[in-house]
Amino acid sequence: MDYSAANQTLWSLMIELGVIAGAVLFCNVLRRKVALIRKSLIPLSVLAGFLLLFIKVTGIYKPNNELLEMLVFHCIALGFIAMSLRTRIKTRHQDENYTGFKSGALIVSTYLVQAIIGLGITLGLSYLLMPDLFQAAGLLLPMGFGQGPGQANNVGTTYETLGFSGGNSFGLAIAAAGYLCACTVGVFMLSRWSKKGLLRTGNREYDAEIQQDGYFQEKNEIPVSDSIDKLSVQICLVLLSYLITYLITWGITAALYALAPGLARMLNSLLWGFNFIIGSVVAMGVRVGLNKGQQIGLITRQYQNNYLLNRISGYCFDIMIVAGIASINPEDISGLWLPFVLMSLAGGIGTWLYLKVICKKLYPGYYREGLISMYGMLTGTIGSGILLLREIDPELSTPAANNLVIGSSYGIVLGAPLLVLISLAAESTAMCFLTLGLAALYLGLLLLAIYRIRKKPSSTS
């Protein structure tokens, strides 16, 4: 085997990961030393992604775009699998009025609001100014804002195969604009609340139970270092779950091609593009299997460690964000600036106004914490949501952070119908209008769940 630089297959991945690592570390220094950057609250991974994009545009360094897209694709699945493997943490407040479920409904309903905004803009432009515009492109707004660069990359690539030229870069650009919204609007509102004296300090109304998620060693866990390192066990669980995900997805698509080739061609890209959902379900199954094994005495120790699984998911999501932004090709969206600007502005404003109304009802005891954290997540990622939240709740003493985590778990299940809408809208103009109607109907059902479902009062003797 040739181990020299001539063997690009051997060295390409290591080179790209090294460049990403260098960009992250350099941006960490910038963030610590430059007050303007530090006060901007821009997530470090986002800053590193824009740095690499600048280097790419100026021609200083040309990254392997195909490899970057591969990293985005795999890292989103690995990150969600790591999150889904974590053991559940029960808190005293989480079941009050089904807040966890309602947070999931809020997350998915916000996707639907963003979908209606985005699809409305692209349909309007296609009739008025841009007749050749891919009408379903509006659905990249909830993918980019709501779910981040991973899903924007997956859906954009799927739409490219269906005729949307530049769909991949357009989706990633929308995701990057979402981060800017999270940072600019979020920081502006924090500053405004502070000047009005609306922020609480030293809030101790709620216990900081969310911090239990950071414990490194829980009762009955495997030791830190035994015949196999504890981190190695977590990585093995994640990779095994991903292998099972691959085999299941391959089995489904193979069966579809054998039984219904037409349906298989329509669903193939969608199933592989959303493999992170299948991966999350598989990981939940692995978690349940391990728990059952403990209950019947087949397994005597707890193998998952939430602290390490959080670190693995955080690492994967950081790589995904940097690689996703760096893989944007600005020339691909040269003819799409109008829908890009309109969708970004309308998405940022519409998301804030919608969350402002719902969060006031859903989180009455910690409205601003709930609002700013949800806005940060639903325009960026859960990381940007936590980042904004820490500015007003540094000890995470309200349930707002836990709502992001638990709500995201419910959101995976409640968000499944979005897969159908994404596929449906790409078929024709009529299907785009049908998608608008179905999105509005599902939004109404979720709002009904948020406002009407309440915990039954306990009976008193």
Protein backbone atom coordinates (compact mmCIF):
# COMPACT_ATOMS: atom_id res chain seq x y z
CA MET A 1 0.00 0.00 0.00
CA ASP A 2 1.20 3.50 -0.86
CA TYR A 3 1.40 5.62 2.32
CA SER A 4 2.67 8.76 0.58
CA ALA A 5 0.77 11.97 -0.19
CA ALA A 6 0.04 10.58 -3.64
CA ASN A 7 -2.57 8.29 -2.07
CA GLN A 8 -5.40 10.81 -1.72
CA THR A 9 -7.85 8.15 -0.51
CA LEU A 10 -5.59 7.56 2.48
CA TRP A 11 -5.00 11.20 3.43
CA SER A 12 -8.04 13.26 2.29
CA LEU A 13 -10.19 12.63 5.36
CA MET A 14 -7.33 13.29 7.78
CA ILE A 15 -6.40 16.51 5.99
CA GLU A 16 -9.97 17.85 6.07
CA LEU A 17 -10.40 16.96 9.75
CA GLY A 18 -7.07 18.62 10.51
CA VAL A 19 -8.11 21.79 8.70
CA ILE A 20 -11.43 21.82 10.59
CA ALA A 21 -9.58 21.30 13.88
CA GLY A 22 -7.18 24.14 13.09
CA ALA A 23 -10.07 26.48 12.22
CA VAL A 24 -11.91 25.63 15.45
CA LEU A 25 -8.82 26.19 17.64
CA PHE A 26 -7.94 29.44 15.85
CA CYS A 27 -11.50 30.72 16.30
CA ASN A 28 -11.36 29.77 19.95
CA VAL A 29 -8.38 32.09 20.34
CA LEU A 30 -10.23 34.85 18.45
CA ARG A 31 -13.27 34.44 20.66
CA ARG A 32 -11.19 34.70 23.82
CA LYS A 33 -9.07 37.65 22.68
CA VAL A 34 -11.49 39.75 20.58
CA ALA A 35 -14.22 41.33 22.69
CA LEU A 36 -16.50 42.05 19.72
CA ILE A 37 -16.55 38.38 18.70
CA ARG A 38 -16.99 37.23 22.28
CA LYS A 39 -19.95 39.55 22.86
CA SER A 40 -21.59 38.50 19.58
CA LEU A 41 -22.36 35.04 21.05
CA ILE A 42 -21.65 33.43 17.67
CA PRO A 43 -21.12 29.69 18.33
CA LEU A 44 -17.50 28.68 17.86
CA SER A 45 -18.34 26.05 15.24
CA VAL A 46 -20.31 28.62 13.21
CA LEU A 47 -17.39 31.06 13.34
CA ALA A 48 -14.99 28.32 12.21
CA GLY A 49 -17.33 27.37 9.37
CA PHE A 50 -17.46 30.96 8.10
CA LEU A 51 -13.68 31.23 8.38
CA LEU A 52 -13.23 28.15 6.18
CA LEU A 53 -15.87 29.48 3.77
CA PHE A 54 -13.92 32.76 3.49
CA ILE A 55 -10.69 30.85 2.87
CA LYS A 56 -12.48 28.79 0.24
CA VAL A 57 -14.01 31.80 -1.55
CA THR A 58 -10.70 33.68 -1.62
CA GLY A 59 -8.96 30.63 -3.10
CA ILE A 60 -6.43 30.27 -0.28
CA TYR A 61 -7.53 26.68 0.24
CA LYS A 62 -9.88 24.50 -1.77
CA PRO A 63 -11.51 21.87 0.45
CA ASN A 64 -12.81 18.54 -0.76
CA ASN A 65 -16.50 19.45 -0.98
CA GLU A 66 -17.63 15.88 -1.48
CA LEU A 67 -15.81 14.86 1.67
CA LEU A 68 -17.27 17.77 3.64
CA GLU A 69 -20.79 16.79 2.57
CA MET A 70 -20.04 13.22 3.62
CA LEU A 71 -19.00 14.45 7.07
CA VAL A 72 -22.22 16.45 7.38
CA PHE A 73 -24.31 13.44 6.37
CA HIS A 74 -22.71 11.00 8.80
CA CYS A 75 -22.22 13.40 11.72
CA ILE A 76 -25.89 14.35 11.98
CA ALA A 77 -26.84 10.67 12.24
CA LEU A 78 -24.07 9.86 14.73
CA GLY A 79 -24.96 12.90 16.85
CA PHE A 80 -28.64 11.98 17.09
CA ILE A 81 -27.81 8.34 17.82
CA ALA A 82 -25.56 9.41 20.70
CA MET A 83 -28.35 11.63 22.07
CA SER A 84 -30.94 8.84 21.77
CA LEU A 85 -28.74 6.30 23.58
CA ARG A 86 -28.67 8.36 26.76
CA THR A 87 -30.48 7.04 29.80
CA ARG A 88 -33.51 9.06 30.69
CA ILE A 89 -33.37 11.54 33.54
CA LYS A 90 -36.62 12.06 35.39
CA THR A 91 -37.17 15.50 36.83
CA ARG A 92 -39.82 16.71 39.19
CA HIS A 93 -41.08 19.41 36.86
CA GLN A 94 -40.96 17.79 33.44
CA ASP A 95 -44.35 16.03 33.59
CA GLU A 96 -46.30 19.05 34.78
CA ASN A 97 -48.99 19.58 32.14
CA TYR A 98 -47.02 17.31 29.77
CA THR A 99 -44.44 20.05 29.20
CA GLY A 100 -42.00 17.67 27.47
CA PHE A 101 -44.58 16.55 24.93
CA LYS A 102 -45.82 20.10 24.42
CA SER A 103 -42.27 21.31 23.85
CA GLY A 104 -41.96 18.70 21.10
CA ALA A 105 -45.26 19.90 19.63
CA LEU A 106 -43.96 23.49 19.80
CA ILE A 107 -40.77 22.53 17.97
CA VAL A 108 -42.60 20.73 15.15
CA SER A 109 -45.28 23.43 14.91
CA THR A 110 -42.51 25.99 14.42
CA TYR A 111 -41.14 23.84 11.57
CA LEU A 112 -44.61 24.00 10.03
CA VAL A 113 -44.82 27.79 10.42
CA GLN A 114 -41.42 28.08 8.73
CA ALA A 115 -42.57 25.67 5.99
CA ILE A 116 -45.69 27.74 5.31
CA ILE A 117 -43.62 30.95 5.19
CA GLY A 118 -40.95 29.46 2.92
CA LEU A 119 -43.36 27.70 0.58
CA GLY A 120 -45.55 30.79 0.37
CA ILE A 121 -42.54 32.88 -0.70
CA THR A 122 -41.27 30.45 -3.36
CA LEU A 123 -44.76 29.87 -4.77
CA GLY A 124 -45.36 33.64 -4.93
CA LEU A 125 -42.00 34.29 -6.61
CA SER A 126 -42.57 31.50 -9.12
CA TYR A 127 -45.81 33.16 -10.26
CA LEU A 128 -44.67 36.78 -10.14
CA LEU A 129 -40.93 37.08 -10.85
CA MET A 130 -39.12 33.74 -11.16
CA PRO A 131 -41.11 31.24 -13.23
CA ASP A 132 -38.23 28.73 -13.28
CA LEU A 133 -37.83 28.68 -9.49
CA PHE A 134 -38.07 25.23 -7.90
CA GLN A 135 -41.30 25.80 -5.96
CA ALA A 136 -40.65 23.28 -3.18
CA ALA A 137 -37.41 25.15 -2.29
CA GLY A 138 -39.37 26.95 0.42
CA LEU A 139 -39.30 23.78 2.51
CA LEU A 140 -35.57 24.28 2.95
CA LEU A 141 -36.43 27.07 5.42
CA PRO A 142 -37.56 24.70 8.21
CA MET A 143 -34.75 22.32 7.31
CA GLY A 144 -32.07 25.03 7.51
CA PHE A 145 -33.50 27.11 10.36
CA GLY A 146 -35.27 24.43 12.34
CA GLN A 147 -32.97 21.44 11.89
CA GLY A 148 -29.62 22.95 10.91
CA PRO A 149 -27.07 22.35 8.15
CA GLY A 150 -27.27 18.56 8.33
CA GLN A 151 -30.86 18.33 7.19
CA ALA A 152 -30.51 21.35 4.91
CA ASN A 153 -27.69 19.47 3.20
CA ASN A 154 -29.68 16.22 2.95
CA VAL A 155 -32.91 17.72 1.65
CA GLY A 156 -31.08 20.18 -0.62
CA THR A 157 -29.16 17.30 -2.18
CA THR A 158 -32.40 15.33 -2.62
CA TYR A 159 -34.02 18.32 -4.33
CA GLU A 160 -30.98 18.66 -6.60
CA THR A 161 -31.68 15.16 -7.94
CA LEU A 162 -35.26 16.31 -8.60
CA GLY A 163 -34.22 19.34 -10.64
CA PHE A 164 -33.33 22.12 -8.17
CA SER A 165 -29.98 23.38 -9.41
CA GLY A 166 -27.87 24.56 -6.48
CA GLY A 167 -30.28 23.07 -3.94
CA ASN A 168 -27.52 21.80 -1.68
CA SER A 169 -25.75 25.16 -1.36
CA PHE A 170 -29.07 27.01 -1.09
CA GLY A 171 -30.10 24.85 1.86
CA LEU A 172 -26.76 25.30 3.59
CA ALA A 173 -26.89 29.07 3.00
CA ILE A 174 -30.33 29.16 4.64
CA ALA A 175 -28.90 27.24 7.61
CA ALA A 176 -26.04 29.76 7.89
CA ALA A 177 -28.55 32.64 7.80
CA GLY A 178 -30.41 30.91 10.61
CA TYR A 179 -27.33 31.04 12.81
CA LEU A 180 -26.99 34.75 12.11
CA CYS A 181 -30.63 35.22 13.16
CA ALA A 182 -30.03 33.27 16.36
CA CYS A 183 -27.04 35.45 17.20
CA THR A 184 -28.25 38.90 16.07
CA VAL A 185 -31.90 38.74 17.10
CA GLY A 186 -31.10 36.73 20.24
CA VAL A 187 -28.38 39.09 21.44
CA PHE A 188 -30.48 42.17 20.57
CA MET A 189 -33.42 40.89 22.62
CA LEU A 190 -31.21 39.96 25.57
CA SER A 191 -29.74 43.46 25.54
CA ARG A 192 -33.20 45.01 25.29
CA TRP A 193 -34.58 42.95 28.17
CA SER A 194 -31.55 43.83 30.26
CA LYS A 195 -31.97 47.58 29.67
CA LYS A 196 -35.64 47.32 30.65
CA GLY A 197 -34.76 45.43 33.82
CA LEU A 198 -36.78 42.41 32.75
CA LEU A 199 -34.10 39.79 33.37
CA ARG A 200 -33.92 37.90 36.63
CA THR A 201 -30.63 37.08 38.29
CA GLY A 202 -29.99 34.40 40.82
CA ASN A 203 -33.30 32.65 40.04
CA ARG A 204 -33.68 29.66 42.34
CA GLU A 205 -37.34 28.90 41.67
CA TYR A 206 -36.40 25.61 40.09
CA ASP A 207 -33.75 23.07 41.07
CA ALA A 208 -30.87 22.66 38.65
CA GLU A 209 -31.86 19.08 37.95
CA ILE A 210 -30.77 19.37 34.34
CA GLN A 211 -27.19 19.38 35.60
CA GLN A 212 -27.58 15.74 36.55
CA ASP A 213 -27.09 15.10 32.85
CA GLY A 214 -23.44 16.05 33.30
CA TYR A 215 -22.54 13.54 35.99
CA PHE A 216 -19.60 11.48 34.84
CA GLN A 217 -20.18 8.41 36.99
CA GLU A 218 -23.65 7.20 37.93
CA LYS A 219 -24.64 4.33 40.18
CA ASN A 220 -23.94 0.83 38.81
CA GLU A 221 -22.09 2.10 35.72
CA ILE A 222 -19.11 0.32 34.22
CA PRO A 223 -15.79 1.70 35.58
CA VAL A 224 -13.96 4.51 33.82
CA SER A 225 -11.13 2.25 32.74
CA ASP A 226 -11.33 -1.53 32.78
CA SER A 227 -10.36 -4.05 30.12
CA ILE A 228 -11.96 -1.53 27.77
CA ASP A 229 -12.07 2.23 28.18
CA LYS A 230 -15.44 3.72 29.10
CA LEU A 231 -15.34 6.13 26.16
CA SER A 232 -14.62 3.21 23.82
CA VAL A 233 -17.82 1.51 25.01
CA GLN A 234 -19.89 4.62 24.20
CA ILE A 235 -18.33 4.90 20.74
CA CYS A 236 -18.95 1.19 20.12
CA LEU A 237 -22.62 1.57 21.07
CA VAL A 238 -22.98 4.54 18.71
CA LEU A 239 -21.23 2.82 15.80
CA LEU A 240 -23.12 -0.44 16.31
CA SER A 241 -26.42 1.45 16.28
CA TYR A 242 -25.34 3.19 13.06
CA LEU A 243 -24.46 -0.15 11.47
CA ILE A 244 -27.91 -1.49 12.37
CA THR A 245 -29.40 1.71 10.91
CA TYR A 246 -27.55 1.11 7.65
CA LEU A 247 -28.69 -2.52 7.46
CA ILE A 248 -32.33 -1.64 8.19
CA THR A 249 -32.39 1.20 5.63
CA TRP A 250 -30.67 -1.00 3.04
CA GLY A 251 -33.19 -3.80 3.76
CA ILE A 252 -36.18 -1.47 3.39
CA THR A 253 -34.96 0.05 0.12
CA ALA A 254 -33.99 -3.35 -1.30
CA ALA A 255 -37.43 -4.75 -0.43
CA LEU A 256 -39.13 -1.72 -2.00
CA TYR A 257 -37.16 -2.09 -5.23
CA ALA A 258 -38.18 -5.76 -5.38
CA LEU A 259 -41.88 -5.14 -4.65
CA ALA A 260 -42.60 -1.62 -5.98
CA PRO A 261 -39.78 -0.11 -8.08
CA GLY A 262 -41.70 3.12 -8.73
CA LEU A 263 -42.30 3.77 -5.05
CA ALA A 264 -38.71 2.79 -4.29
CA ARG A 265 -37.31 5.39 -6.69
CA MET A 266 -39.45 8.05 -5.01
CA LEU A 267 -38.54 7.10 -1.43
CA ASN A 268 -34.93 5.98 -1.84
CA SER A 269 -33.29 9.40 -1.48
CA LEU A 270 -35.71 10.38 1.26
CA LEU A 271 -35.02 7.28 3.38
CA TRP A 272 -31.25 7.62 3.11
CA GLY A 273 -31.39 11.41 3.55
CA PHE A 274 -33.35 11.03 6.78
CA ASN A 275 -31.35 8.11 8.09
CA PHE A 276 -30.80 10.03 11.33
CA ILE A 277 -34.47 9.43 12.23
CA ILE A 278 -34.10 5.69 11.66
CA GLY A 279 -30.84 5.87 13.62
CA SER A 280 -32.57 7.62 16.53
CA VAL A 281 -35.27 4.93 16.63
CA VAL A 282 -32.62 2.19 16.50
CA ALA A 283 -30.67 3.84 19.32
CA MET A 284 -33.82 4.08 21.42
CA GLY A 285 -34.36 0.37 20.75
CA VAL A 286 -30.79 -0.41 21.86
CA ARG A 287 -31.34 1.67 25.00
CA VAL A 288 -34.58 -0.18 25.80
CA GLY A 289 -32.84 -3.52 25.15
CA LEU A 290 -30.04 -2.65 27.56
CA ASN A 291 -32.56 -1.55 30.19
CA LYS A 292 -34.56 -4.76 29.82
CA GLY A 293 -31.35 -6.76 30.08
CA GLN A 294 -30.64 -5.09 33.43
CA GLN A 295 -34.16 -5.69 34.68
CA ILE A 296 -34.06 -9.45 34.02
CA GLY A 297 -30.50 -9.78 35.34
CA LEU A 298 -28.89 -10.63 31.99
CA ILE A 299 -26.84 -7.40 32.17
CA THR A 300 -25.45 -6.44 35.55
CA ARG A 301 -23.98 -2.98 34.77
CA GLN A 302 -25.15 0.18 33.04
CA TYR A 303 -23.10 0.69 29.88
CA GLN A 304 -24.30 4.11 28.73
CA ASN A 305 -22.81 7.22 30.26
CA ASN A 306 -24.78 10.41 29.58
CA TYR A 307 -21.80 12.70 30.06
CA LEU A 308 -19.69 10.93 27.43
CA LEU A 309 -22.62 10.45 25.05
CA ASN A 310 -23.27 14.21 25.28
CA ARG A 311 -19.62 14.87 24.44
CA ILE A 312 -19.81 12.52 21.43
CA SER A 313 -23.00 14.15 20.12
CA GLY A 314 -21.52 17.61 20.71
CA TYR A 315 -18.37 16.70 18.79
CA CYS A 316 -20.39 15.28 15.88
CA PHE A 317 -22.66 18.33 15.71
CA ASP A 318 -19.67 20.71 15.84
CA ILE A 319 -18.02 18.89 12.93
CA MET A 320 -21.34 18.88 11.08
CA ILE A 321 -21.77 22.65 11.48
CA VAL A 322 -18.22 23.56 10.43
CA ALA A 323 -18.24 21.19 7.45
CA GLY A 324 -21.76 22.24 6.44
CA ILE A 325 -20.99 25.96 6.27
CA ALA A 326 -17.60 25.36 4.64
CA SER A 327 -19.19 23.26 1.88
CA ILE A 328 -21.43 26.11 0.67
CA ASN A 329 -20.74 27.10 -2.94
CA PRO A 330 -21.78 30.80 -3.24
CA GLU A 331 -21.80 30.58 -7.04
CA ASP A 332 -24.57 27.96 -6.86
CA ILE A 333 -26.98 30.47 -5.32
CA SER A 334 -26.01 33.41 -7.56
CA GLY A 335 -29.47 33.37 -9.19
CA LEU A 336 -31.33 32.67 -5.94
CA TRP A 337 -30.47 35.72 -3.85
CA LEU A 338 -34.01 37.12 -3.85
CA PRO A 339 -35.71 34.00 -2.39
CA PHE A 340 -32.74 33.55 -0.05
CA VAL A 341 -33.02 37.07 1.40
CA LEU A 342 -36.83 37.00 1.62
CA MET A 343 -36.90 33.55 3.26
CA SER A 344 -34.15 34.46 5.73
CA LEU A 345 -35.80 37.71 6.83
CA ALA A 346 -39.34 36.33 6.95
CA GLY A 347 -38.13 33.16 8.66
CA GLY A 348 -36.24 35.05 11.38
CA ILE A 349 -39.08 37.48 12.11
CA GLY A 350 -41.91 34.95 11.74
CA THR A 351 -40.21 32.43 14.02
CA TRP A 352 -39.72 35.04 16.76
CA LEU A 353 -43.32 36.32 16.60
CA TYR A 354 -44.77 32.80 16.66
CA LEU A 355 -42.61 31.63 19.58
CA LYS A 356 -43.32 34.84 21.49
CA VAL A 357 -47.04 34.01 21.52
CA ILE A 358 -46.80 30.28 22.26
CA CYS A 359 -43.99 30.42 24.84
CA LYS A 360 -45.95 32.92 26.94
CA LYS A 361 -48.68 30.30 27.27
CA LEU A 362 -46.46 27.23 27.52
CA TYR A 363 -43.76 28.48 29.91
CA PRO A 364 -45.52 30.99 32.23
CA GLY A 365 -42.98 30.62 35.05
CA TYR A 366 -39.90 31.13 32.85
CA TYR A 367 -41.24 32.77 29.69
CA ARG A 368 -38.11 34.63 28.59
CA GLU A 369 -35.81 31.68 29.28
CA GLY A 370 -38.13 29.40 27.30
CA LEU A 371 -38.50 31.89 24.44
CA ILE A 372 -34.81 32.74 23.96
CA SER A 373 -33.69 29.11 24.17
CA MET A 374 -36.33 27.88 21.72
CA TYR A 375 -35.56 30.72 19.30
CA GLY A 376 -31.85 29.93 19.42
CA MET A 377 -32.52 26.26 18.70
CA LEU A 378 -35.20 26.79 16.03
CA THR A 379 -33.02 29.14 14.00
CA GLY A 380 -29.74 27.37 14.74
CA THR A 381 -29.16 24.22 16.77
CA ILE A 382 -29.69 23.12 20.35
CA GLY A 383 -26.16 24.45 21.03
CA SER A 384 -27.08 28.02 20.06
CA GLY A 385 -30.26 27.71 22.13
CA ILE A 386 -28.27 26.72 25.23
CA LEU A 387 -25.73 29.46 24.51
CA LEU A 388 -28.39 32.19 24.54
CA LEU A 389 -30.10 30.64 27.55
CA ARG A 390 -26.91 30.74 29.62
CA GLU A 391 -26.83 34.53 29.28
CA ILE A 392 -29.95 34.83 31.44
CA ASP A 393 -29.89 31.47 33.23
CA PRO A 394 -26.18 30.67 33.68
CA GLU A 395 -26.79 27.77 36.06
CA LEU A 396 -29.62 26.32 33.93
CA SER A 397 -31.84 26.52 37.01
CA THR A 398 -35.10 26.61 35.02
CA PRO A 399 -36.47 23.66 33.01
CA ALA A 400 -35.83 25.56 29.74
CA ALA A 401 -32.69 23.58 28.84
CA ASN A 402 -34.36 20.28 29.63
CA ASN A 403 -37.31 21.28 27.43
CA LEU A 404 -34.93 21.55 24.48
CA VAL A 405 -33.61 18.03 25.03
CA ILE A 406 -36.87 16.27 25.91
CA GLY A 407 -38.81 18.29 23.33
CA SER A 408 -36.35 17.28 20.60
CA SER A 409 -36.96 13.62 21.43
CA TYR A 410 -40.73 14.06 21.05
CA GLY A 411 -40.07 16.19 17.97
CA ILE A 412 -38.45 13.25 16.17
CA VAL A 413 -41.74 11.33 16.39
CA LEU A 414 -44.09 14.28 15.87
CA GLY A 415 -41.98 15.53 12.95
CA ALA A 416 -42.26 12.30 10.93
CA PRO A 417 -45.16 13.66 8.76
CA LEU A 418 -42.77 16.36 7.51
CA LEU A 419 -40.99 13.65 5.51
CA VAL A 420 -44.19 13.12 3.52
CA LEU A 421 -44.65 16.86 2.96
CA ILE A 422 -41.07 17.30 1.74
CA SER A 423 -41.48 14.52 -0.78
CA LEU A 424 -44.99 15.56 -1.78
CA ALA A 425 -44.20 19.21 -2.52
CA ALA A 426 -41.46 18.29 -5.00
CA GLU A 427 -43.92 16.50 -7.29
CA SER A 428 -45.80 19.45 -8.85
CA THR A 429 -47.38 22.87 -8.29
CA ALA A 430 -50.64 21.25 -7.23
CA MET A 431 -48.75 19.16 -4.67
CA CYS A 432 -47.11 22.33 -3.31
CA PHE A 433 -50.53 23.83 -2.62
CA LEU A 434 -51.69 20.55 -1.11
CA THR A 435 -48.58 20.59 1.10
CA LEU A 436 -49.49 24.10 2.27
CA GLY A 437 -52.96 22.92 3.23
CA LEU A 438 -51.70 19.80 5.01
CA ALA A 439 -49.06 21.84 6.89
CA ALA A 440 -51.74 24.28 8.06
CA LEU A 441 -53.98 21.39 9.16
CA TYR A 442 -51.20 19.67 11.10
CA LEU A 443 -50.21 23.01 12.65
CA GLY A 444 -53.78 23.39 13.90
CA LEU A 445 -53.71 19.92 15.47
CA LEU A 446 -50.43 20.62 17.26
CA LEU A 447 -51.70 23.96 18.57
CA LEU A 448 -54.78 22.15 19.85
CA ALA A 449 -52.50 19.72 21.70
CA ILE A 450 -50.44 22.57 23.18
CA TYR A 451 -53.44 24.53 24.41
CA ARG A 452 -55.86 21.76 25.36
CA ILE A 453 -53.87 18.84 26.81
CA ARG A 454 -53.50 19.24 30.55
CA LYS A 455 -52.51 16.98 33.38
CA LYS A 456 -55.52 15.75 35.29
CA PRO A 457 -55.64 17.19 38.79
CA SER A 458 -54.83 14.65 41.49
CA SER A 459 -57.82 13.50 43.49
CA THR A 460 -57.93 14.45 47.15
CA SER A 461 -59.70 12.52 49.84
